[in-house]
């Protein structure tokens, strides 16, 4: 039994005293001649024993904290970089071809002049346009402003939702990286539309040039009432820059996923020809 034990004080090298020895269980007697900080039976020095006990607990806490951190890091790694289960050799080659196509395509989009509507002339713009128009309808419950903004917003949010869908439900990080690529590209696709808020020179779906129907231009209707119309090109610049950054991040993510996919495939298939290895790694060095 500890007499008036203060844990904080004893960690500061004060001399703790015990009526019952924590090691041998000896009960201290009035006739014991040993110092109060020692056990008269086994000679245990209570202060040393307490320091060792505190050190053991500190070490245990440190180990547990390190294990928790490693578990968190491992879970994060598995969530974002885990290859799709059951990957086959043929699937690996398809993954590499897909990555190379999207890599070259992404660099081409980034290199386009944002002062033109070059990205809007890509056939992929028509894919984004479908979800853009759907967004206007889906966001009607949020009012007129929500419906106007919903077009541009939905075409960016949809691929972002697909990222987490592939990660959570399919355990396919590589597919998630492709969807993130789409998210970045879609954001870049919105940028020229924002910059056209004053010029009104871009064609609108079903009505010809925006200048012929100025009341139907989404970003003119969003920026003009707020007095932000003069900032259209500045907003375009930052939107395009963020979209380019997301696209490059997606390419880096896909690159890492491809490396882990190669390793998983090598592990699952045992023998893996040197020619295939060289092909896979050379493709990833592009």
Protein backbone atom coordinates (compact mmCIF):
# COMPACT_ATOMS: atom_id res chain seq x y z
CA UNK A 1 0.00 0.00 0.00
CA UNK A 2 1.43 3.33 -1.05
CA UNK A 3 1.45 6.09 1.57
CA UNK A 4 0.41 9.47 0.15
CA UNK A 5 1.80 8.50 -3.25
CA UNK A 6 2.02 11.35 -5.76
CA UNK A 7 3.04 9.97 -9.15
CA UNK A 8 4.20 13.33 -10.51
CA UNK A 9 6.34 14.02 -7.44
CA UNK A 10 8.05 10.64 -7.55
CA UNK A 11 9.01 11.15 -11.18
CA UNK A 12 10.93 14.19 -9.90
CA UNK A 13 13.26 11.93 -7.85
CA UNK A 14 11.46 12.33 -4.50
CA UNK A 15 11.76 9.38 -2.12
CA UNK A 16 8.57 7.26 -2.13
CA UNK A 17 7.81 5.09 0.91
CA UNK A 18 5.73 1.93 1.01
CA UNK A 19 4.15 0.07 3.93
CA UNK A 20 4.01 -3.07 1.76
CA UNK A 21 6.91 -3.86 -0.58
CA UNK A 22 5.62 -4.02 -4.19
CA UNK A 23 8.21 -6.73 -4.97
CA UNK A 24 8.18 -9.23 -2.08
CA UNK A 25 5.06 -8.15 -0.21
CA UNK A 26 6.89 -7.54 3.08
CA UNK A 27 4.91 -5.33 5.48
CA UNK A 28 7.11 -2.75 7.10
CA UNK A 29 7.42 -3.16 10.89
CA UNK A 30 8.25 -0.48 13.47
CA UNK A 31 11.44 -2.39 14.43
CA UNK A 32 12.77 -2.45 10.83
CA UNK A 33 16.12 -0.63 10.69
CA UNK A 34 16.33 -0.22 6.90
CA UNK A 35 15.76 3.28 5.49
CA UNK A 36 12.14 4.07 4.73
CA UNK A 37 12.85 4.21 0.99
CA UNK A 38 14.10 0.58 1.05
CA UNK A 39 12.41 -2.74 1.75
CA UNK A 40 13.78 -4.29 4.94
CA UNK A 41 13.24 -7.80 3.57
CA UNK A 42 14.48 -7.77 -0.04
CA UNK A 43 16.39 -4.48 -0.17
CA UNK A 44 14.32 -3.02 -3.01
CA UNK A 45 15.01 0.70 -3.40
CA UNK A 46 11.57 2.13 -4.04
CA UNK A 47 12.77 5.19 -6.00
CA UNK A 48 14.80 3.05 -8.43
CA UNK A 49 11.96 0.60 -8.83
CA UNK A 50 9.56 3.47 -9.54
CA UNK A 51 11.88 4.99 -12.16
CA UNK A 52 12.13 1.65 -13.92
CA UNK A 53 8.36 1.27 -13.80
CA UNK A 54 7.83 4.72 -15.30
CA UNK A 55 10.42 4.00 -18.00
CA UNK A 56 8.69 0.72 -18.89
CA UNK A 57 5.33 2.45 -19.21
CA UNK A 58 6.85 5.24 -21.30
CA UNK A 59 8.48 2.68 -23.59
CA UNK A 60 5.23 0.77 -23.92
CA UNK A 61 3.32 3.96 -24.74
CA UNK A 62 5.93 4.91 -27.33
CA UNK A 63 5.75 1.48 -28.97
CA UNK A 64 1.95 1.60 -29.06
CA UNK A 65 2.02 5.10 -30.55
CA UNK A 66 4.50 3.99 -33.21
CA UNK A 67 2.40 0.93 -34.04
CA UNK A 68 -0.73 3.08 -34.31
CA UNK A 69 1.07 5.48 -36.65
CA UNK A 70 2.38 2.61 -38.78
CA UNK A 71 -1.12 1.11 -38.94
CA UNK A 72 -2.57 4.47 -40.03
CA UNK A 73 0.14 4.92 -42.66
CA UNK A 74 -0.35 1.37 -43.91
CA UNK A 75 -4.13 1.88 -44.15
CA UNK A 76 -3.65 5.16 -46.01
CA UNK A 77 -1.17 3.50 -48.36
CA UNK A 78 -3.54 0.60 -49.05
CA UNK A 79 -6.46 2.98 -49.64
CA UNK A 80 -4.71 5.16 -52.23
CA UNK A 81 -2.14 2.82 -53.80
CA UNK A 82 -3.51 -0.69 -53.40
CA UNK A 83 -3.54 -2.51 -56.79
CA UNK A 84 -6.79 -4.06 -57.88
CA UNK A 85 -7.05 -7.61 -56.42
CA UNK A 86 -6.56 -10.49 -58.80
CA UNK A 87 -4.58 -8.52 -61.39
CA UNK A 88 -3.49 -10.67 -64.32
CA UNK A 89 -0.57 -10.26 -66.69
CA UNK A 90 -2.83 -9.28 -69.58
CA UNK A 91 -4.58 -6.70 -67.42
CA UNK A 92 -1.20 -5.23 -66.50
CA UNK A 93 -0.37 -4.51 -70.15
CA UNK A 94 -3.79 -2.89 -70.61
CA UNK A 95 -3.15 -0.72 -67.54
CA UNK A 96 0.19 0.42 -68.95
CA UNK A 97 -1.30 1.28 -72.33
CA UNK A 98 -4.12 3.23 -70.65
CA UNK A 99 -1.61 5.12 -68.51
CA UNK A 100 0.55 6.07 -71.51
CA UNK A 101 -2.50 7.26 -73.47
CA UNK A 102 -3.77 9.42 -70.61
CA UNK A 103 -0.25 10.69 -69.89
CA UNK A 104 0.22 11.92 -73.48
CA UNK A 105 -3.34 13.22 -73.61
CA UNK A 106 -2.99 15.09 -70.33
CA UNK A 107 0.25 16.77 -71.36
CA UNK A 108 -1.43 17.82 -74.60
CA UNK A 109 -4.31 19.43 -72.67
CA UNK A 110 -1.93 21.25 -70.33
CA UNK A 111 0.10 22.62 -73.24
CA UNK A 112 -2.97 24.18 -74.88
CA UNK A 113 -3.21 27.98 -74.87
CA UNK A 114 -5.80 28.98 -72.25
CA UNK A 115 -6.49 32.21 -74.18
CA UNK A 116 -8.17 30.13 -76.89
CA UNK A 117 -10.88 27.54 -76.69
CA UNK A 118 -8.60 24.77 -77.94
CA UNK A 119 -9.62 22.46 -75.10
CA UNK A 120 -13.27 23.10 -75.95
CA UNK A 121 -12.66 21.87 -79.49
CA UNK A 122 -11.53 18.46 -78.24
CA UNK A 123 -14.05 15.65 -78.63
CA UNK A 124 -13.73 15.06 -74.88
CA UNK A 125 -15.46 18.41 -74.39
CA UNK A 126 -18.64 16.73 -75.66
CA UNK A 127 -18.36 14.18 -72.85
CA UNK A 128 -18.09 16.96 -70.29
CA UNK A 129 -20.94 18.83 -71.97
CA UNK A 130 -23.37 15.97 -71.33
CA UNK A 131 -22.78 16.13 -67.59
CA UNK A 132 -22.65 19.94 -67.67
CA UNK A 133 -26.20 20.09 -69.02
CA UNK A 134 -27.34 17.39 -66.60
CA UNK A 135 -25.94 19.46 -63.74
CA UNK A 136 -28.24 22.37 -64.58
CA UNK A 137 -31.23 20.09 -64.14
CA UNK A 138 -29.96 18.30 -61.03
CA UNK A 139 -29.22 21.54 -59.18
CA UNK A 140 -32.62 23.15 -59.83
CA UNK A 141 -33.67 22.51 -56.18
CA UNK A 142 -30.87 24.90 -55.12
CA UNK A 143 -32.47 27.87 -56.85
CA UNK A 144 -31.56 29.85 -59.94
CA UNK A 145 -27.94 30.47 -58.93
CA UNK A 146 -27.53 26.82 -57.98
CA UNK A 147 -28.94 25.69 -61.30
CA UNK A 148 -26.65 28.03 -63.26
CA UNK A 149 -23.54 27.01 -61.31
CA UNK A 150 -24.64 23.37 -61.25
CA UNK A 151 -23.60 22.78 -64.86
CA UNK A 152 -19.92 23.59 -64.35
CA UNK A 153 -19.97 22.17 -60.83
CA UNK A 154 -21.43 18.79 -61.73
CA UNK A 155 -19.05 18.16 -64.62
CA UNK A 156 -16.18 18.53 -62.12
CA UNK A 157 -17.79 16.78 -59.15
CA UNK A 158 -18.90 13.65 -61.02
CA UNK A 159 -15.38 12.35 -61.80
CA UNK A 160 -14.33 13.27 -58.25
CA UNK A 161 -17.18 11.12 -56.88
CA UNK A 162 -16.05 8.30 -59.17
CA UNK A 163 -12.56 8.53 -57.65
CA UNK A 164 -13.89 7.58 -54.22
CA UNK A 165 -16.30 5.07 -55.73
CA UNK A 166 -13.42 3.12 -57.30
CA UNK A 167 -11.34 3.41 -54.13
CA UNK A 168 -14.07 2.32 -51.71
CA UNK A 169 -16.15 -0.18 -53.69
CA UNK A 170 -13.70 -1.55 -56.27
CA UNK A 171 -10.34 -1.33 -54.46
CA UNK A 172 -8.94 0.01 -57.73
CA UNK A 173 -6.60 2.92 -57.08
CA UNK A 174 -5.44 3.07 -60.70
CA UNK A 175 -9.01 3.60 -61.95
CA UNK A 176 -9.34 6.26 -59.25
CA UNK A 177 -6.30 8.07 -60.66
CA UNK A 178 -7.87 8.08 -64.14
CA UNK A 179 -11.05 9.62 -62.72
CA UNK A 180 -8.97 12.24 -60.92
CA UNK A 181 -7.34 12.96 -64.29
CA UNK A 182 -10.84 13.52 -65.68
CA UNK A 183 -11.66 15.85 -62.78
CA UNK A 184 -8.62 18.02 -63.54
CA UNK A 185 -9.33 18.01 -67.27
CA UNK A 186 -12.96 18.93 -66.67
CA UNK A 187 -11.91 21.88 -64.52
CA UNK A 188 -9.61 23.03 -67.32
CA UNK A 189 -12.54 22.61 -69.72
CA UNK A 190 -14.59 25.08 -67.65
CA UNK A 191 -11.85 27.76 -67.71
CA UNK A 192 -12.44 29.14 -71.26
CA UNK A 193 -16.17 29.38 -70.53
CA UNK A 194 -15.40 31.57 -67.50
CA UNK A 195 -13.09 33.81 -69.55
CA UNK A 196 -15.86 34.29 -72.12
CA UNK A 197 -18.17 36.00 -69.61
CA UNK A 198 -17.46 39.44 -71.10
CA UNK A 199 -16.51 38.54 -74.68
CA UNK A 200 -19.51 36.23 -75.27
CA UNK A 201 -17.81 34.67 -78.30
CA UNK A 202 -18.15 30.98 -77.51
CA UNK A 203 -20.96 28.97 -79.08
CA UNK A 204 -23.74 27.88 -76.72
CA UNK A 205 -25.62 24.65 -77.12
CA UNK A 206 -28.56 25.13 -79.48
CA UNK A 207 -28.46 28.96 -79.69
CA UNK A 208 -25.29 29.85 -81.61
CA UNK A 209 -22.88 32.47 -80.28
CA UNK A 210 -23.27 33.60 -76.69
CA UNK A 211 -23.50 37.21 -77.89
CA UNK A 212 -26.78 36.34 -79.64
CA UNK A 213 -28.26 35.11 -76.34
CA UNK A 214 -26.31 36.85 -73.55
CA UNK A 215 -28.87 35.86 -70.94
CA UNK A 216 -28.00 32.19 -71.42
CA UNK A 217 -24.27 32.43 -70.67
CA UNK A 218 -23.73 30.71 -67.29
CA UNK A 219 -20.69 32.63 -66.14
CA UNK A 220 -21.92 35.99 -67.36
CA UNK A 221 -25.04 35.40 -65.29
CA UNK A 222 -22.93 34.38 -62.29
CA UNK A 223 -20.31 37.13 -62.39
CA UNK A 224 -22.28 40.18 -63.60
CA UNK A 225 -24.73 40.47 -60.65
CA UNK A 226 -21.81 40.28 -58.21
CA UNK A 227 -19.71 42.89 -59.99
CA UNK A 228 -17.02 40.32 -60.79
CA UNK A 229 -17.28 40.42 -64.58
CA UNK A 230 -13.91 42.18 -64.95
CA UNK A 231 -12.24 39.29 -63.13
CA UNK A 232 -13.34 36.64 -65.64
CA UNK A 233 -9.87 36.09 -67.14
CA UNK A 234 -8.21 36.09 -63.71
CA UNK A 235 -10.64 33.44 -62.48
CA UNK A 236 -10.02 31.49 -65.67
CA UNK A 237 -6.26 31.55 -65.02
CA UNK A 238 -6.57 30.10 -61.51
CA UNK A 239 -9.19 27.54 -62.49
CA UNK A 240 -6.99 26.34 -65.36
CA UNK A 241 -3.94 26.27 -63.08
CA UNK A 242 -5.73 24.23 -60.41
CA UNK A 243 -7.10 21.87 -63.05
CA UNK A 244 -3.60 21.39 -64.50
CA UNK A 245 -2.25 20.67 -61.02
CA UNK A 246 -4.96 18.08 -60.35
CA UNK A 247 -4.25 16.44 -63.72
CA UNK A 248 -0.51 16.23 -62.99
CA UNK A 249 -1.25 14.87 -59.52
CA UNK A 250 -3.44 12.21 -61.12
CA UNK A 251 -0.63 11.24 -63.50
CA UNK A 252 1.82 10.93 -60.60
CA UNK A 253 -0.72 8.87 -58.66
CA UNK A 254 -1.32 6.61 -61.67
CA UNK A 255 2.44 6.19 -62.10
CA UNK A 256 2.86 5.00 -58.51
CA UNK A 257 -0.18 2.72 -58.81
CA UNK A 258 1.30 1.22 -61.98
CA UNK A 259 4.53 0.41 -60.16
CA UNK A 260 2.66 -1.33 -57.34
CA UNK A 261 0.51 -3.15 -59.90
CA UNK A 262 3.66 -4.46 -61.62
CA UNK A 263 5.01 -5.69 -58.30
CA UNK A 264 1.69 -7.36 -57.43
CA UNK A 265 1.60 -9.02 -60.86
CA UNK A 266 5.16 -10.28 -60.48
CA UNK A 267 4.33 -11.66 -57.06
CA UNK A 268 1.13 -13.36 -58.22
CA UNK A 269 2.52 -14.84 -61.42
CA UNK A 270 5.84 -15.98 -60.00
CA UNK A 271 8.07 -16.06 -63.07
CA UNK A 272 7.87 -12.92 -65.14
CA UNK A 273 9.87 -12.65 -68.31
CA UNK A 274 12.70 -10.15 -68.43
CA UNK A 275 11.30 -8.73 -71.68
CA UNK A 276 7.96 -7.95 -70.04
CA UNK A 277 9.71 -6.42 -67.04
CA UNK A 278 11.80 -4.16 -69.26
CA UNK A 279 8.69 -3.18 -71.25
CA UNK A 280 6.74 -2.30 -68.11
CA UNK A 281 9.50 -0.29 -66.45
CA UNK A 282 10.54 1.51 -69.63
CA UNK A 283 6.93 2.56 -70.18
CA UNK A 284 6.76 4.01 -66.68
CA UNK A 285 9.94 6.00 -67.21
CA UNK A 286 8.23 8.09 -69.93
